[in-house]
Amino acid sequence: MRLCDDISQGELAKKLGISKQHLSAIEKWRKAVSLVRAAKFAEVLGYLVDQFVIAAFEDDLREAGIAIHFDLRKVASA
């Protein structure tokens, strides 16, 4: 999303209140983003909170090796 928005790592890190190094680690999948932080990032950037929280949750499952496949968007709207 950062590249689509044409924002540098430094600019985005500053907006999010994190270091450029931390953002780089997130982008390279070396650091995970908590659900709370994902929601905060979405709000700061003006995106839907649901998008960011769902992506963070899916990352948590994948990182934990839990092979559960479901559509969180359908669950959220139920």
PDB file of N, CA and C in Angstrom:
ATOM      1  N   MET A   1       0.827  -1.193   0.000  1.00  0.00           N
ATOM      2  CA  MET A   1       0.000   0.000   0.000  1.00  0.00           C
ATOM      3  C   MET A   1       0.868   1.253   0.000  1.00  0.00           C
ATOM      4  N   ARG A   2       1.993   1.153   0.688  1.00  0.00           N
ATOM      5  CA  ARG A   2       2.895   2.311   0.752  1.00  0.00           C
ATOM      6  C   ARG A   2       3.351   2.705  -0.633  1.00  0.00           C
ATOM      7  N   LEU A   3       3.722   1.733  -1.436  1.00  0.00           N
ATOM      8  CA  LEU A   3       4.213   2.030  -2.780  1.00  0.00           C
ATOM      9  C   LEU A   3       3.099   2.581  -3.666  1.00  0.00           C
ATOM     10  N   CYS A   4       1.895   2.033  -3.519  1.00  0.00           N
ATOM     11  CA  CYS A   4       0.760   2.543  -4.295  1.00  0.00           C
ATOM     12  C   CYS A   4       0.428   3.984  -3.921  1.00  0.00           C
ATOM     13  N   ASP A   5       0.634   4.315  -2.648  1.00  0.00           N
ATOM     14  CA  ASP A   5       0.377   5.668  -2.181  1.00  0.00           C
ATOM     15  C   ASP A   5       1.565   6.597  -2.439  1.00  0.00           C
ATOM     16  N   ASP A   6       2.636   6.038  -2.997  1.00  0.00           N
ATOM     17  CA  ASP A   6       3.849   6.801  -3.332  1.00  0.00           C
ATOM     18  C   ASP A   6       4.407   7.538  -2.110  1.00  0.00           C
ATOM     19  N   ILE A   7       4.578   6.778  -1.007  1.00  0.00           N
ATOM     20  CA  ILE A   7       5.118   7.322   0.230  1.00  0.00           C
ATOM     21  C   ILE A   7       6.438   6.605   0.525  1.00  0.00           C
ATOM     22  N   SER A   8       7.435   7.341   0.920  1.00  0.00           N
ATOM     23  CA  SER A   8       8.720   6.724   1.269  1.00  0.00           C
ATOM     24  C   SER A   8       8.596   6.006   2.609  1.00  0.00           C
ATOM     25  N   GLN A   9       9.520   5.094   2.872  1.00  0.00           N
ATOM     26  CA  GLN A   9       9.530   4.410   4.163  1.00  0.00           C
ATOM     27  C   GLN A   9       9.663   5.416   5.304  1.00  0.00           C
ATOM     28  N   GLY A  10      10.530   6.397   5.126  1.00  0.00           N
ATOM     29  CA  GLY A  10      10.726   7.399   6.170  1.00  0.00           C
ATOM     30  C   GLY A  10       9.458   8.172   6.481  1.00  0.00           C
ATOM     31  N   GLU A  11       8.755   8.588   5.420  1.00  0.00           N
ATOM     32  CA  GLU A  11       7.513   9.346   5.609  1.00  0.00           C
ATOM     33  C   GLU A  11       6.456   8.501   6.327  1.00  0.00           C
ATOM     34  N   LEU A  12       6.312   7.254   5.881  1.00  0.00           N
ATOM     35  CA  LEU A  12       5.297   6.388   6.476  1.00  0.00           C
ATOM     36  C   LEU A  12       5.641   6.049   7.919  1.00  0.00           C
ATOM     37  N   ALA A  13       6.898   5.753   8.171  1.00  0.00           N
ATOM     38  CA  ALA A  13       7.317   5.449   9.542  1.00  0.00           C
ATOM     39  C   ALA A  13       7.004   6.624  10.470  1.00  0.00           C
ATOM     40  N   LYS A  14       7.280   7.823  10.005  1.00  0.00           N
ATOM     41  CA  LYS A  14       7.004   9.019  10.810  1.00  0.00           C
ATOM     42  C   LYS A  14       5.511   9.138  11.103  1.00  0.00           C
ATOM     43  N   LYS A  15       4.663   8.929  10.084  1.00  0.00           N
ATOM     44  CA  LYS A  15       3.215   8.992  10.276  1.00  0.00           C
ATOM     45  C   LYS A  15       2.739   7.966  11.302  1.00  0.00           C
ATOM     46  N   LEU A  16       3.359   6.775  11.264  1.00  0.00           N
ATOM     47  CA  LEU A  16       2.936   5.689  12.131  1.00  0.00           C
ATOM     48  C   LEU A  16       3.557   5.758  13.521  1.00  0.00           C
ATOM     49  N   GLY A  17       4.557   6.614  13.673  1.00  0.00           N
ATOM     50  CA  GLY A  17       5.211   6.744  14.965  1.00  0.00           C
ATOM     51  C   GLY A  17       6.168   5.607  15.280  1.00  0.00           C
ATOM     52  N   ILE A  18       6.763   5.032  14.224  1.00  0.00           N
ATOM     53  CA  ILE A  18       7.739   3.960  14.402  1.00  0.00           C
ATOM     54  C   ILE A  18       9.001   4.318  13.631  1.00  0.00           C
ATOM     55  N   SER A  19      10.072   3.575  13.876  1.00  0.00           N
ATOM     56  CA  SER A  19      11.320   3.848  13.162  1.00  0.00           C
ATOM     57  C   SER A  19      11.251   3.277  11.741  1.00  0.00           C
ATOM     58  N   LYS A  20      12.084   3.836  10.895  1.00  0.00           N
ATOM     59  CA  LYS A  20      12.179   3.340   9.520  1.00  0.00           C
ATOM     60  C   LYS A  20      12.632   1.873   9.515  1.00  0.00           C
ATOM     61  N   GLN A  21      13.513   1.534  10.437  1.00  0.00           N
ATOM     62  CA  GLN A  21      14.002   0.162  10.541  1.00  0.00           C
ATOM     63  C   GLN A  21      12.879  -0.799  10.929  1.00  0.00           C
ATOM     64  N   HIS A  22      12.031  -0.353  11.858  1.00  0.00           N
ATOM     65  CA  HIS A  22      10.895  -1.188  12.271  1.00  0.00           C
ATOM     66  C   HIS A  22       9.940  -1.395  11.099  1.00  0.00           C
ATOM     67  N   LEU A  23       9.653  -0.332  10.366  1.00  0.00           N
ATOM     68  CA  LEU A  23       8.783  -0.454   9.199  1.00  0.00           C
ATOM     69  C   LEU A  23       9.389  -1.388   8.169  1.00  0.00           C
ATOM     70  N   SER A  24      10.682  -1.277   7.944  1.00  0.00           N
ATOM     71  CA  SER A  24      11.362  -2.161   6.998  1.00  0.00           C
ATOM     72  C   SER A  24      11.210  -3.617   7.420  1.00  0.00           C
ATOM     73  N   ALA A  25      11.353  -3.887   8.707  1.00  0.00           N
ATOM     74  CA  ALA A  25      11.201  -5.259   9.210  1.00  0.00           C
ATOM     75  C   ALA A  25       9.781  -5.772   9.012  1.00  0.00           C
ATOM     76  N   ILE A  26       8.791  -4.898   9.184  1.00  0.00           N
ATOM     77  CA  ILE A  26       7.395  -5.285   8.950  1.00  0.00           C
ATOM     78  C   ILE A  26       7.199  -5.610   7.471  1.00  0.00           C
ATOM     79  N   GLU A  27       7.692  -4.756   6.604  1.00  0.00           N
ATOM     80  CA  GLU A  27       7.523  -4.962   5.165  1.00  0.00           C
ATOM     81  C   GLU A  27       8.225  -6.224   4.676  1.00  0.00           C
ATOM     82  N   LYS A  28       9.294  -6.622   5.351  1.00  0.00           N
ATOM     83  CA  LYS A  28      10.044  -7.816   4.946  1.00  0.00           C
ATOM     84  C   LYS A  28       9.599  -9.058   5.719  1.00  0.00           C
ATOM     85  N   TRP A  29       8.468  -8.964   6.434  1.00  0.00           N
ATOM     86  CA  TRP A  29       7.866 -10.067   7.176  1.00  0.00           C
ATOM     87  C   TRP A  29       8.750 -10.569   8.319  1.00  0.00           C
ATOM     88  N   ARG A  30       9.670  -9.735   8.815  1.00  0.00           N
ATOM     89  CA  ARG A  30      10.511 -10.125   9.943  1.00  0.00           C
ATOM     90  C   ARG A  30       9.863  -9.734  11.273  1.00  0.00           C
ATOM     91  N   LYS A  31       8.940  -8.793  11.239  1.00  0.00           N
ATOM     92  CA  LYS A  31       8.203  -8.366  12.436  1.00  0.00           C
ATOM     93  C   LYS A  31       6.715  -8.438  12.136  1.00  0.00           C
ATOM     94  N   ALA A  32       5.987  -8.933  13.115  1.00  0.00           N
ATOM     95  CA  ALA A  32       4.529  -9.004  12.988  1.00  0.00           C
ATOM     96  C   ALA A  32       3.907  -7.722  13.532  1.00  0.00           C
ATOM     97  N   VAL A  33       2.688  -7.470  13.121  1.00  0.00           N
ATOM     98  CA  VAL A  33       1.934  -6.312  13.601  1.00  0.00           C
ATOM     99  C   VAL A  33       0.764  -6.843  14.417  1.00  0.00           C
ATOM    100  N   SER A  34       0.637  -6.367  15.651  1.00  0.00           N
ATOM    101  CA  SER A  34      -0.476  -6.800  16.497  1.00  0.00           C
ATOM    102  C   SER A  34      -1.793  -6.286  15.911  1.00  0.00           C
ATOM    103  N   LEU A  35      -2.874  -6.894  16.358  1.00  0.00           N
ATOM    104  CA  LEU A  35      -4.192  -6.471  15.878  1.00  0.00           C
ATOM    105  C   LEU A  35      -4.484  -5.031  16.282  1.00  0.00           C
ATOM    106  N   VAL A  36      -4.084  -4.661  17.491  1.00  0.00           N
ATOM    107  CA  VAL A  36      -4.308  -3.292  17.967  1.00  0.00           C
ATOM    108  C   VAL A  36      -3.503  -2.306  17.125  1.00  0.00           C
ATOM    109  N   ARG A  37      -2.249  -2.646  16.875  1.00  0.00           N
ATOM    110  CA  ARG A  37      -1.405  -1.748  16.083  1.00  0.00           C
ATOM    111  C   ARG A  37      -1.902  -1.676  14.635  1.00  0.00           C
ATOM    112  N   ALA A  38      -2.395  -2.791  14.106  1.00  0.00           N
ATOM    113  CA  ALA A  38      -2.940  -2.792  12.747  1.00  0.00           C
ATOM    114  C   ALA A  38      -4.115  -1.823  12.646  1.00  0.00           C
ATOM    115  N   ALA A  39      -4.971  -1.820  13.658  1.00  0.00           N
ATOM    116  CA  ALA A  39      -6.117  -0.902  13.675  1.00  0.00           C
ATOM    117  C   ALA A  39      -5.636   0.540  13.730  1.00  0.00           C
ATOM    118  N   LYS A  40      -4.619   0.801  14.557  1.00  0.00           N
ATOM    119  CA  LYS A  40      -4.080   2.163  14.670  1.00  0.00           C
ATOM    120  C   LYS A  40      -3.476   2.615  13.343  1.00  0.00           C
ATOM    121  N   PHE A  41      -2.709   1.735  12.700  1.00  0.00           N
ATOM    122  CA  PHE A  41      -2.104   2.070  11.414  1.00  0.00           C
ATOM    123  C   PHE A  41      -3.179   2.423  10.393  1.00  0.00           C
ATOM    124  N   ALA A  42      -4.249   1.635  10.346  1.00  0.00           N
ATOM    125  CA  ALA A  42      -5.333   1.894   9.392  1.00  0.00           C
ATOM    126  C   ALA A  42      -5.939   3.273   9.633  1.00  0.00           C
ATOM    127  N   GLU A  43      -6.195   3.593  10.884  1.00  0.00           N
ATOM    128  CA  GLU A  43      -6.789   4.892  11.212  1.00  0.00           C
ATOM    129  C   GLU A  43      -5.872   6.041  10.814  1.00  0.00           C
ATOM    130  N   VAL A  44      -4.586   5.903  11.117  1.00  0.00           N
ATOM    131  CA  VAL A  44      -3.614   6.953  10.794  1.00  0.00           C
ATOM    132  C   VAL A  44      -3.539   7.168   9.289  1.00  0.00           C
ATOM    133  N   LEU A  45      -3.613   6.076   8.528  1.00  0.00           N
ATOM    134  CA  LEU A  45      -3.455   6.156   7.076  1.00  0.00           C
ATOM    135  C   LEU A  45      -4.761   6.400   6.333  1.00  0.00           C
ATOM    136  N   GLY A  46      -5.887   6.350   7.042  1.00  0.00           N
ATOM    137  CA  GLY A  46      -7.173   6.602   6.403  1.00  0.00           C
ATOM    138  C   GLY A  46      -7.744   5.411   5.646  1.00  0.00           C
ATOM    139  N   TYR A  47      -7.338   4.206   6.043  1.00  0.00           N
ATOM    140  CA  TYR A  47      -7.875   2.986   5.418  1.00  0.00           C
ATOM    141  C   TYR A  47      -8.903   2.357   6.348  1.00  0.00           C
ATOM    142  N   LEU A  48      -9.645   1.393   5.822  1.00  0.00           N
ATOM    143  CA  LEU A  48     -10.605   0.672   6.635  1.00  0.00           C
ATOM    144  C   LEU A  48      -9.872  -0.156   7.683  1.00  0.00           C
ATOM    145  N   VAL A  49     -10.294  -0.034   8.929  1.00  0.00           N
ATOM    146  CA  VAL A  49      -9.672  -0.779  10.018  1.00  0.00           C
ATOM    147  C   VAL A  49      -9.814  -2.278   9.760  1.00  0.00           C
ATOM    148  N   ASP A  50     -10.976  -2.694   9.259  1.00  0.00           N
ATOM    149  CA  ASP A  50     -11.220  -4.118   8.999  1.00  0.00           C
ATOM    150  C   ASP A  50     -10.121  -4.727   8.129  1.00  0.00           C
ATOM    151  N   GLN A  51      -9.735  -4.024   7.068  1.00  0.00           N
ATOM    152  CA  GLN A  51      -8.708  -4.526   6.143  1.00  0.00           C
ATOM    153  C   GLN A  51      -7.421  -4.845   6.871  1.00  0.00           C
ATOM    154  N   PHE A  52      -6.959  -3.929   7.676  1.00  0.00           N
ATOM    155  CA  PHE A  52      -5.672  -4.082   8.346  1.00  0.00           C
ATOM    156  C   PHE A  52      -5.739  -5.139   9.445  1.00  0.00           C
ATOM    157  N   VAL A  53      -6.822  -5.166  10.205  1.00  0.00           N
ATOM    158  CA  VAL A  53      -6.947  -6.134  11.290  1.00  0.00           C
ATOM    159  C   VAL A  53      -7.068  -7.546  10.717  1.00  0.00           C
ATOM    160  N   ILE A  54      -7.840  -7.706   9.666  1.00  0.00           N
ATOM    161  CA  ILE A  54      -7.980  -9.022   9.034  1.00  0.00           C
ATOM    162  C   ILE A  54      -6.632  -9.501   8.502  1.00  0.00           C
ATOM    163  N   ALA A  55      -5.886  -8.619   7.862  1.00  0.00           N
ATOM    164  CA  ALA A  55      -4.573  -8.994   7.339  1.00  0.00           C
ATOM    165  C   ALA A  55      -3.631  -9.397   8.477  1.00  0.00           C
ATOM    166  N   ALA A  56      -3.654  -8.670   9.585  1.00  0.00           N
ATOM    167  CA  ALA A  56      -2.799  -8.996  10.730  1.00  0.00           C
ATOM    168  C   ALA A  56      -3.198 -10.344  11.333  1.00  0.00           C
ATOM    169  N   PHE A  57      -4.495 -10.599  11.421  1.00  0.00           N
ATOM    170  CA  PHE A  57      -4.980 -11.875  11.959  1.00  0.00           C
ATOM    171  C   PHE A  57      -4.554 -13.032  11.062  1.00  0.00           C
ATOM    172  N   GLU A  58      -4.697 -12.860   9.764  1.00  0.00           N
ATOM    173  CA  GLU A  58      -4.275 -13.898   8.824  1.00  0.00           C
ATOM    174  C   GLU A  58      -2.777 -14.151   8.926  1.00  0.00           C
ATOM    175  N   ASP A  59      -1.987 -13.096   9.109  1.00  0.00           N
ATOM    176  CA  ASP A  59      -0.541 -13.241   9.297  1.00  0.00           C
ATOM    177  C   ASP A  59      -0.233 -14.025  10.578  1.00  0.00           C
ATOM    178  N   ASP A  60      -0.962 -13.720  11.659  1.00  0.00           N
ATOM    179  CA  ASP A  60      -0.769 -14.452  12.919  1.00  0.00           C
ATOM    180  C   ASP A  60      -1.022 -15.940  12.733  1.00  0.00           C
ATOM    181  N   LEU A  61      -2.102 -16.283  12.064  1.00  0.00           N
ATOM    182  CA  LEU A  61      -2.418 -17.690  11.818  1.00  0.00           C
ATOM    183  C   LEU A  61      -1.328 -18.365  10.989  1.00  0.00           C
ATOM    184  N   ARG A  62      -0.907 -17.689   9.924  1.00  0.00           N
ATOM    185  CA  ARG A  62       0.118 -18.249   9.040  1.00  0.00           C
ATOM    186  C   ARG A  62       1.431 -18.443   9.807  1.00  0.00           C
ATOM    187  N   GLU A  63       1.811 -17.458  10.595  1.00  0.00           N
ATOM    188  CA  GLU A  63       3.059 -17.540  11.350  1.00  0.00           C
ATOM    189  C   GLU A  63       3.006 -18.646  12.397  1.00  0.00           C
ATOM    190  N   ALA A  64       1.835 -18.890  12.966  1.00  0.00           N
ATOM    191  CA  ALA A  64       1.677 -19.938  13.971  1.00  0.00           C
ATOM    192  C   ALA A  64       1.571 -21.325  13.343  1.00  0.00           C
ATOM    193  N   GLY A  65       1.512 -21.375  12.014  1.00  0.00           N
ATOM    194  CA  GLY A  65       1.399 -22.661  11.330  1.00  0.00           C
ATOM    195  C   GLY A  65       0.016 -23.267  11.426  1.00  0.00           C
ATOM    196  N   ILE A  66      -0.966 -22.427  11.682  1.00  0.00           N
ATOM    197  CA  ILE A  66      -2.346 -22.899  11.800  1.00  0.00           C
ATOM    198  C   ILE A  66      -3.006 -22.796  10.424  1.00  0.00           C
ATOM    199  N   ALA A  67      -3.352 -23.951   9.902  1.00  0.00           N
ATOM    200  CA  ALA A  67      -3.898 -24.017   8.549  1.00  0.00           C
ATOM    201  C   ALA A  67      -5.418 -23.952   8.574  1.00  0.00           C
ATOM    202  N   ILE A  68      -5.935 -22.850   9.035  1.00  0.00           N
ATOM    203  CA  ILE A  68      -7.379 -22.626   9.028  1.00  0.00           C
ATOM    204  C   ILE A  68      -7.663 -21.636   7.911  1.00  0.00           C
ATOM    205  N   HIS A  69      -8.570 -22.014   7.046  1.00  0.00           N
ATOM    206  CA  HIS A  69      -8.901 -21.139   5.923  1.00  0.00           C
ATOM    207  C   HIS A  69     -10.374 -20.778   5.996  1.00  0.00           C
ATOM    208  N   PHE A  70     -10.638 -19.520   6.183  1.00  0.00           N
ATOM    209  CA  PHE A  70     -12.007 -19.017   6.184  1.00  0.00           C
ATOM    210  C   PHE A  70     -11.987 -17.561   5.784  1.00  0.00           C
ATOM    211  N   ASP A  71     -13.139 -17.075   5.406  1.00  0.00           N
ATOM    212  CA  ASP A  71     -13.247 -15.689   4.966  1.00  0.00           C
ATOM    213  C   ASP A  71     -13.681 -14.828   6.142  1.00  0.00           C
ATOM    214  N   LEU A  72     -12.720 -14.102   6.728  1.00  0.00           N
ATOM    215  CA  LEU A  72     -13.032 -13.269   7.886  1.00  0.00           C
ATOM    216  C   LEU A  72     -14.051 -12.192   7.568  1.00  0.00           C
ATOM    217  N   ARG A  73     -14.108 -11.784   6.317  1.00  0.00           N
ATOM    218  CA  ARG A  73     -15.082 -10.756   5.946  1.00  0.00           C
ATOM    219  C   ARG A  73     -16.504 -11.279   6.125  1.00  0.00           C
ATOM    220  N   LYS A  74     -16.724 -12.561   5.779  1.00  0.00           N
ATOM    221  CA  LYS A  74     -18.046 -13.163   5.957  1.00  0.00           C
ATOM    222  C   LYS A  74     -18.356 -13.341   7.441  1.00  0.00           C
ATOM    223  N   VAL A  75     -17.355 -13.734   8.210  1.00  0.00           N
ATOM    224  CA  VAL A  75     -17.536 -13.923   9.653  1.00  0.00           C
ATOM    225  C   VAL A  75     -17.869 -12.591  10.308  1.00  0.00           C
ATOM    226  N   ALA A  76     -17.170 -11.537   9.905  1.00  0.00           N
ATOM    227  CA  ALA A  76     -17.377 -10.216  10.490  1.00  0.00           C
ATOM    228  C   ALA A  76     -18.776  -9.672  10.207  1.00  0.00           C
ATOM    229  N   SER A  77     -19.320 -10.008   9.051  1.00  0.00           N
ATOM    230  CA  SER A  77     -20.619  -9.473   8.692  1.00  0.00           C
ATOM    231  C   SER A  77     -21.759 -10.336   9.202  1.00  0.00           C
ATOM    232  N   ALA A  78     -21.449 -11.496   9.756  1.00  0.00           N
ATOM    233  CA  ALA A  78     -22.506 -12.416  10.244  1.00  0.00           C
ATOM    234  C   ALA A  78     -23.087 -11.949  11.556  1.00  0.00           C
TER     235      ALA A  78
END
